[in-house]
Amino acid sequence: MTTSSARNRHRILGGAALGAGVTLAAWLVLRPTTPLSDAADDMAGMPGMEGMAGMPNGAAMSMTDGRVRLTADQVRTFGITVDSASVRPMVDTLRAVGTVTWDETRLRQVTARVDGYVEVLQADFTGTRIHRGAPLLELYAPVVVAAGEDLLAARAMDRRTARSLPGIASAEDDVAGSIRRRLARWDVPESFVERVLADGQVPRRFPITAPMSGLVIEKGVQLGQAIRAGDRLFTIVDPSTVWVEVAFRELDASRVRVGQRGTISLTGETGPPLAGRVTFVHPVIDPATRTLRARLEVQNASGRLQAGRFAAVEIHDSQPPALTVPRTAIITTGTGALVFRMAADGTLEPLRVAVGRVAGDLATITSGLEPGVHVVTSAQYLLEAESNLGAVMKAMVGQMGGNAMPPMDGMGGTAGMDGMPGMPGMPDTTGTP
């Protein structure tokens, strides 16, 4: 064979292959959708394409009415896994971003009840951790000093009356009681009053103590400052419980309810998530952001949560039991969804299904499937392509009718393309060298 004839033969073969490829591609684009249930048999109707030799382990997939039959070796080779459709409870997860805030029910304001001057300041910076009853500052208040002196005078008068008139109650008892009640209304500690009575003299300063244990998150006073009754001195919070304010999409508003459980993961931390519970859902959608705000209560004994931090929030929404399959078993097509059912003999059959809610790794099936059916959960798109290939070939043969391409030698058919060197059946157009 001359170089010219070889070149001509390669040109003819390349043109034939290109033409076949273009024809097939065009037909695939323009063909109507063929239901999988009408898929072809095993392509035996197309001359020269009896089966698909060359599959793993020398065995070919067989296809009947859109079904694909695989051997056990092929199942292992393709990495096909299956799971069963079953009725189980659905746990839907709502994800959003929240902001940690202080629990407003655990905030206390410390307010001055009398005029005075700050002469000692124990809680001298924001963030100080204090305990209930510990002094925050010491105040010189002239009215408190005067009341203490009146209390000592009343006690002295009571003693003189008792010596001169034994057995007769003194009116000074009522005076002393009135003074003690006045000091209590000014938040003067009882320990201060007992000290006055024990020592017989009035200290210059009295302490203002913490009403609860916690953190000083606001400090509104400085050493030496003159204060008036009603001035806010400190804000204290108990950080053992905090709130996480979360904004959910309006689309998810109906799925957020008081009492739901959730988890909170802190941005930038790899520790285990914290547990929380929805304690309040706002009754109004934010008109600017179209979100619904909800509040989670989270235990914070470890102090990991600081106000102002961002947190990833997951709310677990439990749903009634429903027929479900793994989410990976669902194949979405242009006309709906399908799953592949696997029979005991290795036959795989595509089934049209109606998919309901998808939650996490599960999808609910509302129709088209029965409990206990084994469905393929991996390599489905390979199976779908194989199943559709049968439908494509059958439809092509049917549309081409008698003009179907004769079988090519070497593809399982009889003679074809005589005349081409090395390909009997096709007239030789290359000429004599």
Protein backbone atom coordinates (compact mmCIF):
# COMPACT_ATOMS: atom_id res chain seq x y z
CA MET A 1 0.00 0.00 0.00
CA THR A 2 1.41 3.39 -0.98
CA THR A 3 1.61 6.37 1.32
CA SER A 4 -1.12 8.09 -0.74
CA SER A 5 -3.58 5.19 -0.38
CA ALA A 6 -2.91 4.96 3.36
CA ARG A 7 -3.55 8.67 3.69
CA ASN A 8 -6.83 8.34 1.78
CA ARG A 9 -7.95 5.44 3.91
CA HIS A 10 -7.26 7.36 7.12
CA ARG A 11 -9.15 10.35 5.71
CA ILE A 12 -12.18 8.18 4.93
CA LEU A 13 -12.13 6.49 8.34
CA GLY A 14 -11.79 9.83 10.12
CA GLY A 15 -14.62 11.34 8.11
CA ALA A 16 -16.87 8.38 8.81
CA ALA A 17 -16.16 8.53 12.54
CA LEU A 18 -16.65 12.30 12.64
CA GLY A 19 -19.91 12.04 10.75
CA ALA A 20 -21.21 9.34 13.06
CA GLY A 21 -20.24 11.39 16.11
CA VAL A 22 -21.93 14.54 14.82
CA THR A 23 -25.06 12.60 13.88
CA LEU A 24 -25.29 10.99 17.31
CA ALA A 25 -24.66 14.26 19.15
CA ALA A 26 -27.30 16.08 17.11
CA TRP A 27 -29.82 13.32 17.66
CA LEU A 28 -29.19 13.39 21.43
CA VAL A 29 -29.81 17.14 21.54
CA LEU A 30 -32.94 17.09 19.35
CA ARG A 31 -34.54 13.83 20.44
CA PRO A 32 -37.69 13.91 22.60
CA THR A 33 -37.37 12.77 26.20
CA THR A 34 -37.64 8.99 26.34
CA PRO A 35 -39.14 7.62 29.57
CA LEU A 36 -36.82 5.25 31.31
CA SER A 37 -39.54 2.64 31.48
CA ASP A 38 -39.45 2.46 27.65
CA ALA A 39 -35.72 1.85 27.46
CA ALA A 40 -34.48 -0.62 24.89
CA ASP A 41 -33.52 -4.18 25.42
CA ASP A 42 -29.83 -4.94 25.15
CA MET A 43 -29.16 -3.01 21.90
CA ALA A 44 -29.45 -6.27 20.02
CA GLY A 45 -31.66 -4.48 17.52
CA MET A 46 -28.79 -2.39 16.27
CA PRO A 47 -26.69 -4.38 13.82
CA GLY A 48 -23.19 -4.95 15.02
CA MET A 49 -23.90 -3.94 18.64
CA GLU A 50 -24.86 -7.19 20.33
CA GLY A 51 -23.95 -6.38 23.94
CA MET A 52 -21.10 -4.21 25.10
CA ALA A 53 -18.01 -6.36 25.33
CA GLY A 54 -15.02 -5.18 27.26
CA MET A 55 -16.77 -4.55 30.59
CA PRO A 56 -14.90 -5.46 33.78
CA ASN A 57 -14.03 -9.14 34.19
CA GLY A 58 -15.02 -9.78 30.60
CA ALA A 59 -18.76 -9.53 31.33
CA ALA A 60 -21.07 -6.98 29.81
CA MET A 61 -23.98 -5.15 31.40
CA SER A 62 -27.29 -6.46 30.16
CA MET A 63 -30.26 -4.15 29.77
CA THR A 64 -33.93 -5.08 29.49
CA ASP A 65 -36.73 -2.48 29.50
CA GLY A 66 -34.43 0.12 31.02
CA ARG A 67 -33.14 -2.27 33.65
CA VAL A 68 -29.45 -2.84 34.18
CA ARG A 69 -28.23 -6.23 35.37
CA LEU A 70 -24.85 -6.39 37.06
CA THR A 71 -22.78 -9.25 38.33
CA ALA A 72 -21.42 -9.25 41.86
CA ASP A 73 -17.97 -8.39 40.51
CA GLN A 74 -19.36 -5.40 38.63
CA VAL A 75 -21.14 -4.15 41.75
CA ARG A 76 -17.82 -4.20 43.57
CA THR A 77 -15.91 -2.66 40.67
CA PHE A 78 -18.31 0.27 40.27
CA GLY A 79 -18.42 0.86 44.03
CA ILE A 80 -22.19 0.51 44.13
CA THR A 81 -23.75 0.69 47.60
CA VAL A 82 -27.36 0.15 48.59
CA ASP A 83 -29.66 1.04 51.46
CA SER A 84 -33.28 0.23 52.19
CA ALA A 85 -36.23 2.60 52.16
CA SER A 86 -37.66 2.69 55.66
CA VAL A 87 -40.06 4.64 57.84
CA ARG A 88 -38.13 6.66 60.37
CA PRO A 89 -38.47 9.98 62.21
CA MET A 90 -37.13 13.02 60.42
CA VAL A 91 -34.98 15.54 62.23
CA ASP A 92 -34.69 18.69 60.18
CA THR A 93 -31.87 21.09 60.98
CA LEU A 94 -32.20 24.86 60.68
CA ARG A 95 -28.91 26.71 60.46
CA ALA A 96 -28.36 30.38 61.21
CA VAL A 97 -25.89 32.79 62.76
CA GLY A 98 -26.51 34.25 66.20
CA THR A 99 -25.01 36.80 68.57
CA VAL A 100 -24.30 36.11 72.23
CA THR A 101 -25.94 38.58 74.64
CA TRP A 102 -26.32 38.75 78.40
CA ASP A 103 -29.38 37.22 79.99
CA GLU A 104 -31.48 40.29 80.84
CA THR A 105 -33.09 38.50 83.77
CA ARG A 106 -29.65 38.19 85.38
CA LEU A 107 -28.70 41.87 85.22
CA ARG A 108 -28.73 44.11 88.31
CA GLN A 109 -28.18 47.82 88.63
CA VAL A 110 -26.50 49.24 91.73
CA THR A 111 -27.94 52.69 92.44
CA ALA A 112 -27.08 55.28 95.10
CA ARG A 113 -29.87 55.81 97.64
CA VAL A 114 -28.30 58.82 99.36
CA ASP A 115 -26.05 61.72 98.46
CA GLY A 116 -22.39 61.26 99.32
CA TYR A 117 -18.76 61.05 98.28
CA VAL A 118 -16.81 58.01 97.05
CA GLU A 119 -13.80 57.67 99.36
CA VAL A 120 -12.87 54.01 98.67
CA LEU A 121 -13.47 52.16 95.40
CA GLN A 122 -13.01 48.38 95.51
CA ALA A 123 -14.61 47.54 92.12
CA ASP A 124 -12.32 49.88 90.27
CA PHE A 125 -12.52 48.51 86.71
CA THR A 126 -15.06 47.03 84.32
CA GLY A 127 -14.93 43.25 84.23
CA THR A 128 -14.23 42.80 87.93
CA ARG A 129 -15.62 39.52 89.24
CA ILE A 130 -17.36 40.02 92.57
CA HIS A 131 -19.33 37.94 95.05
CA ARG A 132 -22.65 38.66 96.70
CA GLY A 133 -22.21 40.94 99.72
CA ALA A 134 -18.69 42.04 98.78
CA PRO A 135 -18.09 45.83 99.02
CA LEU A 136 -18.10 47.73 95.73
CA LEU A 137 -17.21 51.10 97.24
CA GLU A 138 -17.29 52.99 100.53
CA LEU A 139 -19.34 56.16 100.70
CA TYR A 140 -19.22 59.10 103.06
CA ALA A 141 -22.85 60.20 103.42
CA PRO A 142 -23.62 62.91 106.02
CA VAL A 143 -27.22 61.71 106.43
CA VAL A 144 -26.05 58.20 107.29
CA VAL A 145 -23.57 59.50 109.84
CA ALA A 146 -26.32 61.62 111.40
CA ALA A 147 -28.69 58.67 111.52
CA GLY A 148 -26.02 56.57 113.23
CA GLU A 149 -25.51 59.23 115.89
CA ASP A 150 -29.29 59.42 116.44
CA LEU A 151 -29.33 55.66 116.92
CA LEU A 152 -26.63 55.87 119.62
CA ALA A 153 -28.47 58.70 121.34
CA ALA A 154 -31.71 56.72 121.34
CA ARG A 155 -29.95 53.72 122.88
CA ALA A 156 -28.38 55.88 125.61
CA MET A 157 -31.76 57.40 126.45
CA ASP A 158 -33.28 53.92 126.61
CA ARG A 159 -30.66 52.79 129.11
CA ARG A 160 -31.23 55.80 131.37
CA THR A 161 -34.98 55.21 131.30
CA ALA A 162 -34.52 51.57 132.18
CA ARG A 163 -32.43 52.46 135.25
CA SER A 164 -34.82 55.12 136.54
CA LEU A 165 -38.10 53.38 135.74
CA PRO A 166 -37.57 49.61 135.75
CA GLY A 167 -40.22 47.54 133.98
CA ILE A 168 -41.54 50.46 131.93
CA ALA A 169 -40.98 50.37 128.19
CA SER A 170 -39.18 53.39 126.87
CA ALA A 171 -40.41 55.41 123.92
CA GLU A 172 -36.83 55.37 122.74
CA ASP A 173 -37.34 51.79 121.59
CA ASP A 174 -39.64 53.07 118.89
CA VAL A 175 -37.15 55.80 117.99
CA ALA A 176 -34.29 53.32 117.59
CA GLY A 177 -36.46 51.01 115.52
CA SER A 178 -37.44 53.89 113.25
CA ILE A 179 -33.80 54.84 112.71
CA ARG A 180 -32.81 51.27 111.88
CA ARG A 181 -35.61 51.02 109.31
CA ARG A 182 -34.48 54.29 107.73
CA LEU A 183 -30.92 53.03 107.39
CA ALA A 184 -32.19 49.80 105.80
CA ARG A 185 -34.11 51.81 103.19
CA TRP A 186 -30.84 53.52 102.29
CA ASP A 187 -29.24 50.11 101.71
CA VAL A 188 -26.97 50.55 104.69
CA PRO A 189 -25.86 47.00 105.60
CA GLU A 190 -27.12 45.52 108.86
CA SER A 191 -23.51 44.75 109.71
CA PHE A 192 -22.78 48.48 109.69
CA VAL A 193 -25.62 49.14 112.16
CA GLU A 194 -24.43 46.36 114.47
CA ARG A 195 -20.93 47.80 114.35
CA VAL A 196 -22.25 51.23 115.37
CA LEU A 197 -24.07 49.75 118.35
CA ALA A 198 -21.12 47.56 119.33
CA ASP A 199 -18.43 50.26 119.11
CA GLY A 200 -20.55 53.12 120.37
CA GLN A 201 -19.38 55.35 117.55
CA VAL A 202 -20.35 55.99 113.93
CA PRO A 203 -17.76 55.19 111.20
CA ARG A 204 -17.19 57.92 108.65
CA ARG A 205 -17.96 55.65 105.69
CA PHE A 206 -20.37 52.82 105.02
CA PRO A 207 -20.02 50.19 102.25
CA ILE A 208 -22.27 49.70 99.24
CA THR A 209 -22.22 45.95 98.61
CA ALA A 210 -22.88 43.71 95.61
CA PRO A 211 -26.48 42.43 95.47
CA MET A 212 -25.38 39.29 93.55
CA SER A 213 -22.31 37.43 92.38
CA GLY A 214 -21.13 38.07 88.85
CA LEU A 215 -19.20 40.46 86.64
CA VAL A 216 -19.15 44.24 86.73
CA ILE A 217 -19.95 45.06 83.10
CA GLU A 218 -20.56 48.80 83.62
CA LYS A 219 -18.94 51.20 86.08
CA GLY A 220 -20.34 54.70 86.38
CA VAL A 221 -18.35 56.07 89.28
CA GLN A 222 -14.79 57.21 90.00
CA LEU A 223 -12.81 57.52 93.21
CA GLY A 224 -13.54 60.85 94.94
CA GLN A 225 -16.67 61.48 92.91
CA ALA A 226 -19.67 63.17 94.49
CA ILE A 227 -22.84 61.23 93.81
CA ARG A 228 -26.50 61.90 94.29
CA ALA A 229 -29.37 59.65 95.19
CA GLY A 230 -30.53 57.89 92.03
CA ASP A 231 -27.15 57.81 90.29
CA ARG A 232 -26.33 54.47 88.65
CA LEU A 233 -23.06 53.21 90.05
CA PHE A 234 -22.58 49.71 88.62
CA THR A 235 -24.21 47.11 86.37
CA ILE A 236 -23.62 43.50 87.40
CA VAL A 237 -24.45 40.37 85.40
CA ASP A 238 -24.51 36.71 86.31
CA PRO A 239 -22.80 35.09 83.27
CA SER A 240 -23.68 31.50 84.19
CA THR A 241 -26.52 31.65 81.66
CA VAL A 242 -26.49 33.70 78.44
CA TRP A 243 -28.77 34.33 75.50
CA VAL A 244 -28.03 33.78 71.83
CA GLU A 245 -30.13 36.01 69.59
CA VAL A 246 -30.65 34.37 66.18
CA ALA A 247 -32.18 35.69 62.95
CA PHE A 248 -33.95 33.01 60.89
CA ARG A 249 -35.12 33.39 57.31
CA GLU A 250 -38.77 34.25 56.85
CA LEU A 251 -39.04 30.98 54.90
CA ASP A 252 -38.20 29.06 58.11
CA ALA A 253 -40.36 31.14 60.46
CA SER A 254 -43.07 28.49 60.84
CA ARG A 255 -40.49 25.87 61.85
CA VAL A 256 -39.11 27.76 64.86
CA ARG A 257 -40.91 27.06 68.14
CA VAL A 258 -40.35 27.61 71.85
CA GLY A 259 -38.89 24.52 73.48
CA GLN A 260 -36.82 23.32 70.52
CA ARG A 261 -33.31 22.14 71.23
CA GLY A 262 -30.26 23.44 69.44
CA THR A 263 -26.49 23.55 69.44
CA ILE A 264 -24.17 26.54 69.42
CA SER A 265 -20.66 26.51 67.95
CA LEU A 266 -18.40 29.48 68.49
CA THR A 267 -16.68 31.11 65.55
CA GLY A 268 -12.99 30.29 65.54
CA GLU A 269 -13.22 27.51 68.15
CA THR A 270 -12.89 23.78 67.64
CA GLY A 271 -14.34 22.64 70.97
CA PRO A 272 -17.58 20.69 71.31
CA PRO A 273 -20.80 22.62 70.63
CA LEU A 274 -22.89 23.89 73.52
CA ALA A 275 -26.50 22.88 74.05
CA GLY A 276 -29.28 25.45 74.07
CA ARG A 277 -33.06 25.75 74.09
CA VAL A 278 -35.39 28.18 72.32
CA THR A 279 -37.07 30.24 75.05
CA PHE A 280 -38.62 33.05 73.03
CA VAL A 281 -39.71 33.71 69.44
CA HIS A 282 -40.41 37.31 68.49
CA PRO A 283 -43.98 37.86 67.28
CA VAL A 284 -42.97 40.23 64.47
CA ILE A 285 -40.88 39.74 61.32
CA ASP A 286 -38.15 42.35 60.92
CA PRO A 287 -39.41 44.46 57.98
CA ALA A 288 -35.89 45.54 56.98
CA THR A 289 -34.22 42.12 56.85
CA ARG A 290 -37.31 39.87 56.48
CA THR A 291 -36.02 37.67 59.28
CA LEU A 292 -37.56 36.24 62.44
CA ARG A 293 -35.59 36.70 65.63
CA ALA A 294 -35.54 33.96 68.23
CA ARG A 295 -33.68 33.52 71.48
CA LEU A 296 -31.80 30.51 72.79
CA GLU A 297 -30.85 30.10 76.43
CA VAL A 298 -27.44 28.52 76.94
CA GLN A 299 -25.69 27.41 80.12
CA ASN A 300 -22.32 29.16 80.41
CA ALA A 301 -20.77 27.89 83.63
CA SER A 302 -17.42 27.53 81.85
CA GLY A 303 -17.48 31.16 80.69
CA ARG A 304 -16.79 30.24 77.04
CA LEU A 305 -19.51 32.55 75.78
CA GLN A 306 -18.84 36.27 75.90
CA ALA A 307 -21.41 38.86 74.98
CA GLY A 308 -21.02 40.10 71.42
CA ARG A 309 -19.51 36.90 69.99
CA PHE A 310 -20.88 35.37 66.81
CA ALA A 311 -22.01 31.77 66.96
CA ALA A 312 -23.22 29.18 64.44
CA VAL A 313 -26.61 27.91 65.57
CA GLU A 314 -28.39 24.70 64.60
CA ILE A 315 -32.00 24.10 65.61
CA HIS A 316 -33.22 20.51 65.48
CA ASP A 317 -36.81 20.31 64.23
CA SER A 318 -38.28 16.84 64.81
CA GLN A 319 -40.84 15.67 62.24
CA PRO A 320 -43.30 12.74 62.29
CA PRO A 321 -42.01 9.40 60.94
CA ALA A 322 -42.08 9.12 57.14
CA LEU A 323 -40.80 6.86 54.36
CA THR A 324 -37.23 7.95 53.72
CA VAL A 325 -34.18 7.04 51.68
CA PRO A 326 -30.64 8.38 51.85
CA ARG A 327 -30.37 11.72 50.11
CA THR A 328 -27.67 10.33 47.82
CA ALA A 329 -30.14 7.82 46.36
CA ILE A 330 -32.14 10.58 44.64
CA ILE A 331 -31.32 11.40 41.01
CA THR A 332 -32.85 14.65 39.80
CA THR A 333 -33.79 14.74 36.12
CA GLY A 334 -35.46 17.27 33.91
CA THR A 335 -38.82 15.58 34.38
CA GLY A 336 -38.66 14.67 38.06
CA ALA A 337 -36.72 12.41 40.39
CA LEU A 338 -35.85 8.74 40.33
CA VAL A 339 -34.11 6.06 42.33
CA PHE A 340 -32.58 2.75 41.25
CA ARG A 341 -34.10 -0.32 42.87
CA MET A 342 -31.77 -3.31 43.24
CA ALA A 343 -33.24 -6.81 43.15
CA ALA A 344 -31.67 -9.87 44.72
CA ASP A 345 -30.33 -11.06 41.34
CA GLY A 346 -28.44 -7.80 40.75
CA THR A 347 -31.05 -6.25 38.45
CA LEU A 348 -31.26 -2.48 38.79
CA GLU A 349 -34.50 -0.78 37.78
CA PRO A 350 -35.11 2.99 37.67
CA LEU A 351 -38.25 4.11 39.52
CA ARG A 352 -39.95 7.48 39.30
CA VAL A 353 -40.57 8.87 42.81
CA ALA A 354 -42.03 12.00 44.38
CA VAL A 355 -39.67 13.59 46.89
CA GLY A 356 -40.95 15.48 49.91
CA ARG A 357 -38.90 17.24 52.55
CA VAL A 358 -35.14 16.81 52.54
CA ALA A 359 -33.49 16.96 55.95
CA GLY A 360 -29.82 16.32 56.51
CA ASP A 361 -28.83 13.03 54.86
CA LEU A 362 -32.41 11.81 54.38
CA ALA A 363 -35.16 12.56 51.86
CA THR A 364 -38.82 11.68 52.32
CA ILE A 365 -40.59 9.78 49.53
CA THR A 366 -44.29 10.61 49.16
CA SER A 367 -45.04 8.20 46.30
CA GLY A 368 -43.41 5.67 43.97
CA LEU A 369 -41.64 3.52 46.55
CA GLU A 370 -42.52 0.98 49.23
CA PRO A 371 -40.79 0.36 52.57
CA GLY A 372 -38.08 -2.29 52.49
CA VAL A 373 -37.05 -1.71 48.87
CA HIS A 374 -33.28 -1.63 48.38
CA VAL A 375 -32.11 1.46 46.52
CA VAL A 376 -28.70 2.36 45.13
CA THR A 377 -26.94 5.13 47.06
CA SER A 378 -23.80 5.52 44.93
CA ALA A 379 -22.81 5.38 41.23
CA GLN A 380 -26.43 6.10 40.21
CA TYR A 381 -25.48 8.50 37.43
CA LEU A 382 -23.37 5.80 35.80
CA LEU A 383 -26.38 3.49 35.92
CA GLU A 384 -28.69 6.19 34.58
CA ALA A 385 -26.34 6.80 31.66
CA GLU A 386 -26.19 3.07 30.92
CA SER A 387 -29.97 2.74 31.12
CA ASN A 388 -30.54 5.77 28.88
CA LEU A 389 -28.00 4.45 26.37
CA GLY A 390 -30.29 1.53 25.61
CA ALA A 391 -33.16 3.90 24.93
CA VAL A 392 -30.96 6.08 22.72
CA MET A 393 -29.78 3.20 20.57
CA LYS A 394 -33.23 1.71 20.13
CA ALA A 395 -34.74 5.06 19.20
CA MET A 396 -31.94 5.78 16.71
CA VAL A 397 -32.44 2.43 15.03
CA GLY A 398 -36.17 2.99 14.89
CA GLN A 399 -35.82 6.48 13.37
CA MET A 400 -33.22 5.42 10.79
CA GLY A 401 -35.27 2.32 9.84
CA GLY A 402 -33.87 0.59 6.79
CA ASN A 403 -31.18 3.22 6.45
CA ALA A 404 -29.42 2.02 9.56
CA MET A 405 -25.68 1.81 9.22
CA PRO A 406 -24.55 -1.69 8.23
CA PRO A 407 -22.51 -3.42 10.86
CA MET A 408 -18.82 -2.72 10.94
CA ASP A 409 -16.48 -5.65 10.80
CA GLY A 410 -15.05 -6.20 14.25
CA MET A 411 -18.09 -4.83 16.11
CA GLY A 412 -20.00 -8.07 16.38
CA GLY A 413 -21.81 -7.83 13.00
CA THR A 414 -21.35 -9.34 9.52
CA ALA A 415 -19.40 -7.93 6.64
CA GLY A 416 -19.63 -4.23 5.93
CA MET A 417 -17.84 -1.49 4.04
CA ASP A 418 -16.66 -3.94 1.39
CA GLY A 419 -13.96 -2.60 -0.78
CA MET A 420 -12.13 -0.61 1.86
CA PRO A 421 -8.74 -2.13 2.42
CA GLY A 422 -9.03 -4.34 5.44
CA MET A 423 -12.82 -3.70 5.63
CA PRO A 424 -14.76 -5.98 3.22
CA GLY A 425 -18.17 -4.79 2.20
CA MET A 426 -17.33 -1.20 1.29
CA PRO A 427 -16.35 -0.31 -2.29
CA ASP A 428 -12.71 0.57 -2.69
CA THR A 429 -12.51 4.27 -3.52
CA THR A 430 -8.83 4.65 -2.97
CA GLY A 431 -7.82 3.51 -6.43
CA THR A 432 -5.01 1.24 -7.43
CA PRO A 433 -1.60 2.27 -6.17
